[in-house]
């Protein structure tokens, strides 16, 4: 949930980073997501394909909270609606 200033109603990015995104656990999660995308891109490069297109994302069939792994490439819309049923 984004942190909003109650007076102005604007999002406070500095506080959001300090209280959530800057925590060691969240940094590890972000590194894991970036690493998964990097591994997919490396595999595509070995097969002679280019980098992932901007409209594609790496989906973890098993969530990172349960150990991650087992990744696949899906469209952005598919990945974003996966848990919003």
Protein backbone atom coordinates (compact mmCIF):
# COMPACT_ATOMS: atom_id res chain seq x y z
CA UNK A 1 0.00 0.00 0.00
CA UNK A 2 1.58 3.32 -0.99
CA UNK A 3 2.26 5.77 1.80
CA UNK A 4 0.32 8.98 1.30
CA UNK A 5 0.76 12.25 3.12
CA UNK A 6 -2.50 12.87 4.99
CA UNK A 7 -2.27 16.63 4.45
CA UNK A 8 -1.61 16.70 0.71
CA UNK A 9 -2.81 13.23 -0.27
CA UNK A 10 0.35 12.75 -2.36
CA UNK A 11 2.49 9.64 -2.32
CA UNK A 12 5.56 9.83 -0.09
CA UNK A 13 8.18 7.83 -2.00
CA UNK A 14 10.98 8.45 0.48
CA UNK A 15 8.95 7.06 3.38
CA UNK A 16 7.72 4.14 1.25
CA UNK A 17 11.30 3.15 0.42
CA UNK A 18 12.47 3.59 4.00
CA UNK A 19 9.65 1.54 5.54
CA UNK A 20 9.16 -1.15 2.89
CA UNK A 21 11.37 -1.28 -0.21
CA UNK A 22 14.58 -0.59 1.70
CA UNK A 23 14.22 -3.52 4.07
CA UNK A 24 16.74 -6.36 3.62
CA UNK A 25 14.00 -8.93 2.90
CA UNK A 26 12.49 -6.77 0.16
CA UNK A 27 15.93 -6.12 -1.34
CA UNK A 28 16.46 -9.90 -1.54
CA UNK A 29 13.06 -10.37 -3.17
CA UNK A 30 13.82 -7.68 -5.75
CA UNK A 31 17.23 -9.24 -6.44
CA UNK A 32 15.55 -12.64 -6.95
CA UNK A 33 13.06 -11.16 -9.44
CA UNK A 34 15.85 -9.38 -11.32
CA UNK A 35 17.94 -12.56 -11.31
CA UNK A 36 15.10 -14.60 -12.78
CA UNK A 37 14.70 -12.14 -15.64
CA UNK A 38 18.46 -12.15 -16.19
CA UNK A 39 18.56 -15.97 -16.36
CA UNK A 40 15.70 -16.02 -18.90
CA UNK A 41 17.49 -13.41 -21.03
CA UNK A 42 20.75 -15.39 -20.86
CA UNK A 43 18.96 -18.55 -22.02
CA UNK A 44 17.30 -16.64 -24.88
CA UNK A 45 20.67 -15.22 -25.92
CA UNK A 46 22.22 -18.72 -26.03
CA UNK A 47 19.41 -19.79 -28.39
CA UNK A 48 20.01 -16.80 -30.64
CA UNK A 49 16.93 -14.86 -29.56
CA UNK A 50 16.90 -11.27 -28.40
CA UNK A 51 16.06 -9.91 -24.98
CA UNK A 52 12.55 -10.23 -23.62
CA UNK A 53 10.16 -7.77 -25.26
CA UNK A 54 8.81 -4.99 -23.05
CA UNK A 55 5.31 -6.49 -23.04
CA UNK A 56 6.55 -9.83 -21.58
CA UNK A 57 7.33 -10.65 -17.97
CA UNK A 58 8.83 -13.56 -16.06
CA UNK A 59 6.20 -15.48 -14.12
CA UNK A 60 7.07 -17.70 -11.16
CA UNK A 61 4.79 -20.73 -11.16
CA UNK A 62 5.76 -21.21 -7.53
CA UNK A 63 5.82 -17.83 -5.71
CA UNK A 64 9.07 -16.42 -4.35
CA UNK A 65 7.56 -16.64 -0.86
CA UNK A 66 7.52 -20.45 -1.34
CA UNK A 67 11.02 -20.72 -2.74
CA UNK A 68 10.44 -19.46 -6.27
CA UNK A 69 11.87 -21.20 -9.26
CA UNK A 70 9.96 -22.85 -12.09
CA UNK A 71 9.71 -19.71 -14.24
CA UNK A 72 8.09 -19.01 -17.58
CA UNK A 73 7.56 -16.06 -19.89
CA UNK A 74 4.03 -14.66 -20.04
CA UNK A 75 2.43 -11.48 -21.30
CA UNK A 76 2.25 -8.55 -18.91
CA UNK A 77 -1.55 -8.65 -18.79
CA UNK A 78 -1.58 -12.36 -17.94
CA UNK A 79 0.98 -11.93 -15.16
CA UNK A 80 -0.79 -8.94 -13.61
CA UNK A 81 -4.23 -10.56 -13.53
CA UNK A 82 -2.93 -13.89 -12.20
CA UNK A 83 -3.84 -13.17 -8.56
CA UNK A 84 -6.71 -10.74 -9.14
CA UNK A 85 -9.49 -13.21 -9.86
